[in-house]
Amino acid sequence: MQYKSLAVALALGMVFPVWNGCALARPAALAQQYAAYEAAAPSVIVDKPIVWNARRKELTEQYARIHYGWAFSTITPRAVVIHWTADNRASSAWNWFNREASSKGTAQVASHFLVDRDGTIYRLTPETRLNPHAIGYNWCAIGIENVGGKEGKEDLTEAQLFANVWLIRHLHQNFPTIRTVFGHYQQDKARSTGLYKEQVQGYHSVKHDPGPGFMQGLEELLKGSGVVVLEP
């Protein structure tokens, strides 16, 4: 399947909400497209693990001790956070996540999954690994990175949207404790879920990924799935 930008691939006739040029098809049409995608090319997960060794485990446990009050490196997933990489190459993101430590000698950021422009899903770590990717939620959240968003442009693809939907459904099936899905830019809104935990006062960052258009697509396609997507 060729991948296209959402603005092109999902705009069928009359469209509903548009954000930053990202037009989504009517809900019924969008669901029909996803059903056709799933039937024609069901997604598979490609394992492409990033480094995990004693040093990285030590830094991860150190991160947990500082931010959550106790040392641990495994989680029980309760949420999924959607990101973009702010770059157009999967290899760049993988190489960044594959570093043993950050330039400051602390735990390196990482997500559990990386979704390429064509919808290929790469698993970088086990789903139960503690990965620093969303401040306040790393103790319970699986991170999905989507290749794109360079210079803040909402350019994630139809293939990525459908791959994310398939992956989230798959994760919820394997981890019924997952009940919430939100975009990284919704980190403040997500505090209403009661999942936010952070011991370091003032530790916060402003995010824009993956944009409300992409989250609107997820919200429509995950209705009835057993997970709640925060309203974009």
Protein backbone atom coordinates (compact mmCIF):
# COMPACT_ATOMS: atom_id res chain seq x y z
CA MET A 1 0.00 0.00 0.00
CA GLN A 2 1.35 3.39 -0.94
CA TYR A 3 1.30 5.86 1.91
CA LYS A 4 -0.21 9.29 1.52
CA SER A 5 -0.65 12.29 3.77
CA LEU A 6 -3.92 12.33 5.68
CA ALA A 7 -4.85 15.56 3.95
CA VAL A 8 -4.87 13.73 0.61
CA ALA A 9 -5.72 10.14 1.46
CA LEU A 10 -8.52 10.73 3.96
CA ALA A 11 -10.34 13.60 2.27
CA LEU A 12 -13.25 11.88 0.55
CA GLY A 13 -15.88 14.30 -0.71
CA MET A 14 -17.23 16.34 2.18
CA VAL A 15 -14.91 16.32 5.14
CA PHE A 16 -15.23 17.04 8.83
CA PRO A 17 -12.78 18.76 11.22
CA VAL A 18 -9.62 20.18 9.69
CA TRP A 19 -6.53 21.12 11.70
CA ASN A 20 -3.44 22.67 10.09
CA GLY A 21 -4.48 21.38 6.69
CA CYS A 22 -5.18 17.85 7.92
CA ALA A 23 -8.61 16.87 6.56
CA LEU A 24 -10.28 13.71 7.78
CA ALA A 25 -12.96 11.75 5.97
CA ARG A 26 -16.42 11.32 7.40
CA PRO A 27 -16.41 8.78 10.25
CA ALA A 28 -18.21 6.11 8.21
CA ALA A 29 -15.81 6.49 5.29
CA LEU A 30 -12.80 6.44 7.59
CA ALA A 31 -13.99 3.24 9.26
CA GLN A 32 -14.61 1.69 5.85
CA GLN A 33 -11.09 2.57 4.75
CA TYR A 34 -9.61 1.03 7.87
CA ALA A 35 -11.62 -2.18 7.43
CA ALA A 36 -10.34 -2.48 3.87
CA TYR A 37 -6.78 -1.84 5.04
CA GLU A 38 -7.00 -4.46 7.78
CA ALA A 39 -8.47 -7.05 5.43
CA ALA A 40 -5.96 -6.42 2.66
CA ALA A 41 -2.76 -6.03 4.64
CA PRO A 42 -3.03 -6.91 8.33
CA SER A 43 -0.24 -5.35 10.32
CA VAL A 44 2.64 -7.28 11.80
CA ILE A 45 5.20 -6.22 14.38
CA VAL A 46 8.86 -6.25 13.41
CA ASP A 47 11.24 -6.61 16.33
CA LYS A 48 14.11 -4.12 16.14
CA PRO A 49 15.38 -3.92 19.71
CA ILE A 50 17.41 -1.02 21.01
CA VAL A 51 20.27 -1.61 23.42
CA TRP A 52 19.41 -2.86 26.90
CA ASN A 53 22.29 -3.63 29.20
CA ALA A 54 23.29 -3.27 32.84
CA ARG A 55 24.15 0.42 32.46
CA ARG A 56 20.86 1.31 30.82
CA LYS A 57 18.93 -0.68 33.40
CA GLU A 58 20.77 1.16 36.17
CA LEU A 59 19.97 4.55 34.64
CA THR A 60 16.34 3.58 34.13
CA GLU A 61 16.00 2.55 37.77
CA GLN A 62 17.72 5.77 38.79
CA TYR A 63 15.20 7.73 36.72
CA ALA A 64 12.33 5.90 38.42
CA ARG A 65 13.77 6.57 41.88
CA ILE A 66 14.09 10.31 41.16
CA HIS A 67 10.72 10.80 39.49
CA TYR A 68 8.52 8.20 41.19
CA GLY A 69 10.21 7.47 44.50
CA TRP A 70 11.33 3.89 44.00
CA ALA A 71 13.65 1.99 41.65
CA PHE A 72 12.05 -0.14 38.95
CA SER A 73 12.44 -0.83 35.25
CA THR A 74 9.21 -2.66 34.35
CA ILE A 75 5.66 -1.36 34.18
CA THR A 76 2.07 -2.52 34.03
CA PRO A 77 0.73 -0.65 30.97
CA ARG A 78 -2.35 1.47 31.65
CA ALA A 79 -2.13 4.04 28.86
CA VAL A 80 -0.70 4.62 25.39
CA VAL A 81 0.92 7.94 24.45
CA ILE A 82 1.19 8.88 20.76
CA HIS A 83 4.23 10.82 19.53
CA TRP A 84 5.97 11.92 16.39
CA THR A 85 9.73 11.89 15.85
CA ALA A 86 10.06 15.40 14.30
CA ASP A 87 12.13 13.77 11.55
CA ASN A 88 11.34 11.87 8.37
CA ARG A 89 13.71 8.91 8.79
CA ALA A 90 13.01 5.91 10.97
CA SER A 91 16.74 5.16 11.16
CA SER A 92 17.44 8.51 12.82
CA ALA A 93 14.88 7.88 15.53
CA TRP A 94 16.08 4.33 16.10
CA ASN A 95 19.71 5.46 16.39
CA TRP A 96 18.70 8.15 18.89
CA PHE A 97 16.76 5.73 21.07
CA ASN A 98 19.55 3.16 20.82
CA ARG A 99 21.96 5.27 22.87
CA GLU A 100 22.85 3.72 26.20
CA ALA A 101 22.58 7.06 27.99
CA SER A 102 21.77 10.69 27.28
CA SER A 103 24.50 13.30 26.79
CA LYS A 104 24.00 14.21 30.47
CA GLY A 105 24.64 10.63 31.58
CA THR A 106 21.00 10.08 32.51
CA ALA A 107 18.41 7.65 31.17
CA GLN A 108 18.01 8.03 27.41
CA VAL A 109 14.55 8.73 26.03
CA ALA A 110 12.88 5.89 24.17
CA SER A 111 9.50 4.64 23.06
CA HIS A 112 8.29 1.07 22.87
CA PHE A 113 7.22 1.23 19.22
CA LEU A 114 8.26 3.12 16.11
CA VAL A 115 5.86 3.39 13.14
CA ASP A 116 7.43 4.25 9.80
CA ARG A 117 5.84 6.36 7.07
CA ASP A 118 4.60 3.25 5.25
CA GLY A 119 2.94 1.88 8.39
CA THR A 120 5.65 -0.63 9.31
CA ILE A 121 5.56 -1.21 13.06
CA TYR A 122 8.87 -1.73 14.86
CA ARG A 123 8.99 -2.94 18.45
CA LEU A 124 12.01 -1.39 20.14
CA THR A 125 11.53 -2.71 23.68
CA PRO A 126 9.18 -5.04 25.52
CA GLU A 127 5.82 -3.47 26.27
CA THR A 128 6.50 -3.72 30.00
CA ARG A 129 9.78 -1.80 29.91
CA LEU A 130 9.95 1.58 31.63
CA ASN A 131 10.94 4.01 28.87
CA PRO A 132 11.23 7.77 29.39
CA HIS A 133 8.96 9.28 26.72
CA ALA A 134 6.18 11.23 28.48
CA ILE A 135 6.82 13.15 31.69
CA GLY A 136 4.58 11.98 34.49
CA TYR A 137 3.30 8.89 32.70
CA ASN A 138 6.34 6.71 32.08
CA TRP A 139 5.49 4.52 35.08
CA CYS A 140 2.41 3.21 33.27
CA ALA A 141 2.46 4.26 29.59
CA ILE A 142 3.50 2.61 26.36
CA GLY A 143 4.93 5.07 23.83
CA ILE A 144 4.30 4.90 20.08
CA GLU A 145 6.55 7.10 17.96
CA ASN A 146 5.47 7.97 14.42
CA VAL A 147 8.08 9.01 11.87
CA GLY A 148 7.24 12.54 10.75
CA GLY A 149 6.29 15.92 12.13
CA LYS A 150 9.48 17.61 10.98
CA GLU A 151 9.41 21.33 11.80
CA GLY A 152 6.06 20.78 13.51
CA LYS A 153 4.19 19.91 10.33
CA GLU A 154 1.19 17.63 10.79
CA ASP A 155 2.12 15.22 8.03
CA LEU A 156 1.61 11.74 9.47
CA THR A 157 0.23 9.31 6.92
CA GLU A 158 -2.88 7.25 6.40
CA ALA A 159 -0.77 4.12 6.74
CA GLN A 160 0.53 5.34 10.10
CA LEU A 161 -2.97 6.11 11.33
CA PHE A 162 -4.22 2.64 10.46
CA ALA A 163 -1.09 0.98 11.87
CA ASN A 164 -1.57 2.88 15.15
CA VAL A 165 -5.19 1.76 15.36
CA TRP A 166 -4.24 -1.85 14.75
CA LEU A 167 -1.39 -1.68 17.26
CA ILE A 168 -3.48 -0.07 20.01
CA ARG A 169 -6.19 -2.70 19.57
CA HIS A 170 -3.51 -5.39 19.72
CA LEU A 171 -2.01 -3.88 22.88
CA HIS A 172 -5.37 -3.60 24.60
CA GLN A 173 -6.09 -7.23 23.79
CA ASN A 174 -2.80 -8.31 25.36
CA PHE A 175 -2.91 -5.79 28.22
CA PRO A 176 -6.54 -5.16 29.26
CA THR A 177 -5.20 -2.73 31.88
CA ILE A 178 -4.72 -0.23 29.03
CA ARG A 179 -7.74 2.05 29.11
CA THR A 180 -6.49 5.46 27.93
CA VAL A 181 -4.89 6.82 24.75
CA PHE A 182 -3.70 10.40 24.33
CA GLY A 183 -1.34 12.51 22.26
CA HIS A 184 1.85 13.85 23.78
CA TYR A 185 0.49 17.38 23.41
CA GLN A 186 -2.42 16.34 25.68
CA GLN A 187 -0.17 15.57 28.65
CA ASP A 188 -1.77 18.24 30.82
CA LYS A 189 -5.32 17.25 29.89
CA ALA A 190 -4.43 13.63 30.67
CA ARG A 191 -3.91 14.52 34.32
CA SER A 192 -7.67 14.14 34.65
CA THR A 193 -7.18 10.38 34.30
CA GLY A 194 -5.35 10.24 37.63
CA LEU A 195 -2.34 8.60 36.00
CA TYR A 196 0.04 11.55 36.28
CA LYS A 197 2.86 11.08 38.80
CA GLU A 198 5.91 13.30 39.11
CA GLN A 199 8.09 14.03 42.15
CA VAL A 200 10.34 16.67 40.58
CA GLN A 201 8.68 20.04 40.91
CA GLY A 202 8.65 22.09 37.72
CA TYR A 203 9.68 19.14 35.52
CA HIS A 204 7.55 19.79 32.45
CA SER A 205 7.82 20.42 28.73
CA VAL A 206 5.49 21.79 26.05
CA LYS A 207 4.69 19.35 23.24
CA HIS A 208 2.71 19.54 20.00
CA ASP A 209 2.85 15.98 18.71
CA PRO A 210 1.19 14.25 16.98
CA GLY A 211 -1.40 16.98 16.42
CA PRO A 212 -5.20 16.98 16.86
CA GLY A 213 -5.92 15.77 13.33
CA PHE A 214 -4.18 12.46 13.89
CA MET A 215 -5.80 12.05 17.30
CA GLN A 216 -9.23 12.72 15.79
CA GLY A 217 -8.63 9.82 13.42
CA LEU A 218 -7.66 7.57 16.31
CA GLU A 219 -10.70 8.66 18.30
CA GLU A 220 -13.05 7.74 15.44
CA LEU A 221 -11.44 4.39 14.66
CA LEU A 222 -11.06 3.24 18.27
CA LYS A 223 -14.67 3.76 19.26
CA GLY A 224 -15.98 0.59 20.89
CA SER A 225 -12.49 -0.86 21.25
CA GLY A 226 -12.40 -0.73 25.05
CA VAL A 227 -9.99 2.21 25.23
CA VAL A 228 -10.81 5.89 25.64
CA VAL A 229 -9.04 8.37 23.37
CA LEU A 230 -8.93 11.81 24.98
CA GLU A 231 -10.91 14.31 22.95
CA PRO A 232 -8.40 16.08 20.66
